[in-house]
Amino acid sequence: MAACYEAAVMAAKSRELNSVAAQLAGRQEESEHSQKHVLELSREFKKNVPEEVREMVAPVLKSFQAQ
């Protein structure tokens, strides 16, 4: 009887872990997508903004990139 209970508990924990793992994988994918998008926007910004403005915002961009 105890073995059946343990098996049921383990199966439930396994399902829970699989669910959490799937959520984490989804969040990781979203994070990677967001990072790529930010890099793309940063490149566009550097191409399309005058040097003077880029120099003014450089500290902000550097602190952001450090994260």
C-alpha atoms as a PDB file:
ATOM      1  CA  MET A   1       0.000   0.000   0.000  1.00  0.00           C
ATOM      2  CA  ALA A   2       2.805   2.404   0.902  1.00  0.00           C
ATOM      3  CA  ALA A   3       4.531   1.633  -2.384  1.00  0.00           C
ATOM      4  CA  CYS A   4       1.408   2.602  -4.329  1.00  0.00           C
ATOM      5  CA  TYR A   5       1.142   5.847  -2.382  1.00  0.00           C
ATOM      6  CA  GLU A   6       4.816   6.642  -3.003  1.00  0.00           C
ATOM      7  CA  ALA A   7       4.417   5.904  -6.710  1.00  0.00           C
ATOM      8  CA  ALA A   8       1.401   8.218  -6.911  1.00  0.00           C
ATOM      9  CA  VAL A   9       3.274  10.992  -5.093  1.00  0.00           C
ATOM     10  CA  MET A  10       6.290  10.558  -7.347  1.00  0.00           C
ATOM     11  CA  ALA A  11       4.108  10.659 -10.459  1.00  0.00           C
ATOM     12  CA  ALA A  12       2.453  13.870  -9.258  1.00  0.00           C
ATOM     13  CA  LYS A  13       5.826  15.452  -8.477  1.00  0.00           C
ATOM     14  CA  SER A  14       7.125  14.370 -11.872  1.00  0.00           C
ATOM     15  CA  ARG A  15       4.178  16.046 -13.622  1.00  0.00           C
ATOM     16  CA  GLU A  16       4.710  19.177 -11.553  1.00  0.00           C
ATOM     17  CA  LEU A  17       8.415  19.268 -12.416  1.00  0.00           C
ATOM     18  CA  ASN A  18       7.658  18.762 -16.104  1.00  0.00           C
ATOM     19  CA  SER A  19       5.197  21.639 -15.995  1.00  0.00           C
ATOM     20  CA  VAL A  20       7.693  23.943 -14.293  1.00  0.00           C
ATOM     21  CA  ALA A  21      10.416  22.915 -16.743  1.00  0.00           C
ATOM     22  CA  ALA A  22       8.148  23.750 -19.681  1.00  0.00           C
ATOM     23  CA  GLN A  23       7.348  27.155 -18.171  1.00  0.00           C
ATOM     24  CA  LEU A  24      11.037  27.877 -17.629  1.00  0.00           C
ATOM     25  CA  ALA A  25      11.871  26.875 -21.185  1.00  0.00           C
ATOM     26  CA  GLY A  26       9.158  29.189 -22.485  1.00  0.00           C
ATOM     27  CA  ARG A  27      10.437  32.080 -20.411  1.00  0.00           C
ATOM     28  CA  GLN A  28      13.998  31.411 -21.553  1.00  0.00           C
ATOM     29  CA  GLU A  29      12.860  31.512 -25.176  1.00  0.00           C
ATOM     30  CA  GLU A  30      10.966  34.771 -24.591  1.00  0.00           C
ATOM     31  CA  SER A  31      14.020  36.257 -22.892  1.00  0.00           C
ATOM     32  CA  GLU A  32      16.306  35.302 -25.774  1.00  0.00           C
ATOM     33  CA  HIS A  33      13.836  36.765 -28.260  1.00  0.00           C
ATOM     34  CA  SER A  34      13.639  39.996 -26.259  1.00  0.00           C
ATOM     35  CA  GLN A  35      17.418  40.268 -26.061  1.00  0.00           C
ATOM     36  CA  LYS A  36      17.733  39.833 -29.826  1.00  0.00           C
ATOM     37  CA  HIS A  37      15.060  42.474 -30.378  1.00  0.00           C
ATOM     38  CA  VAL A  38      16.843  44.935 -28.086  1.00  0.00           C
ATOM     39  CA  LEU A  39      20.127  44.325 -29.899  1.00  0.00           C
ATOM     40  CA  GLU A  40      18.418  44.954 -33.223  1.00  0.00           C
ATOM     41  CA  LEU A  41      16.876  48.184 -31.939  1.00  0.00           C
ATOM     42  CA  SER A  42      20.240  49.266 -30.546  1.00  0.00           C
ATOM     43  CA  ARG A  43      21.911  48.722 -33.927  1.00  0.00           C
ATOM     44  CA  GLU A  44      19.178  50.679 -35.693  1.00  0.00           C
ATOM     45  CA  PHE A  45      19.537  53.462 -33.144  1.00  0.00           C
ATOM     46  CA  LYS A  46      23.284  53.673 -33.763  1.00  0.00           C
ATOM     47  CA  LYS A  47      22.739  53.831 -37.528  1.00  0.00           C
ATOM     48  CA  ASN A  48      19.944  56.398 -37.497  1.00  0.00           C
ATOM     49  CA  VAL A  49      20.861  58.814 -34.707  1.00  0.00           C
ATOM     50  CA  PRO A  50      23.430  61.605 -34.975  1.00  0.00           C
ATOM     51  CA  GLU A  51      26.758  61.102 -33.191  1.00  0.00           C
ATOM     52  CA  GLU A  52      25.985  63.947 -30.807  1.00  0.00           C
ATOM     53  CA  VAL A  53      22.867  62.220 -29.493  1.00  0.00           C
ATOM     54  CA  ARG A  54      24.601  58.838 -29.275  1.00  0.00           C
ATOM     55  CA  GLU A  55      27.305  60.366 -27.080  1.00  0.00           C
ATOM     56  CA  MET A  56      24.661  61.781 -24.742  1.00  0.00           C
ATOM     57  CA  VAL A  57      22.898  58.450 -24.285  1.00  0.00           C
ATOM     58  CA  ALA A  58      26.037  56.288 -24.296  1.00  0.00           C
ATOM     59  CA  PRO A  59      26.165  55.911 -20.481  1.00  0.00           C
ATOM     60  CA  VAL A  60      22.562  54.719 -20.400  1.00  0.00           C
ATOM     61  CA  LEU A  61      23.153  52.221 -23.200  1.00  0.00           C
ATOM     62  CA  LYS A  62      26.322  50.915 -21.548  1.00  0.00           C
ATOM     63  CA  SER A  63      24.589  50.363 -18.224  1.00  0.00           C
ATOM     64  CA  PHE A  64      21.762  48.586 -20.012  1.00  0.00           C
ATOM     65  CA  GLN A  65      24.173  46.372 -21.940  1.00  0.00           C
ATOM     66  CA  ALA A  66      25.969  45.483 -18.704  1.00  0.00           C
ATOM     67  CA  GLN A  67      22.773  43.889 -17.445  1.00  0.00           C
END
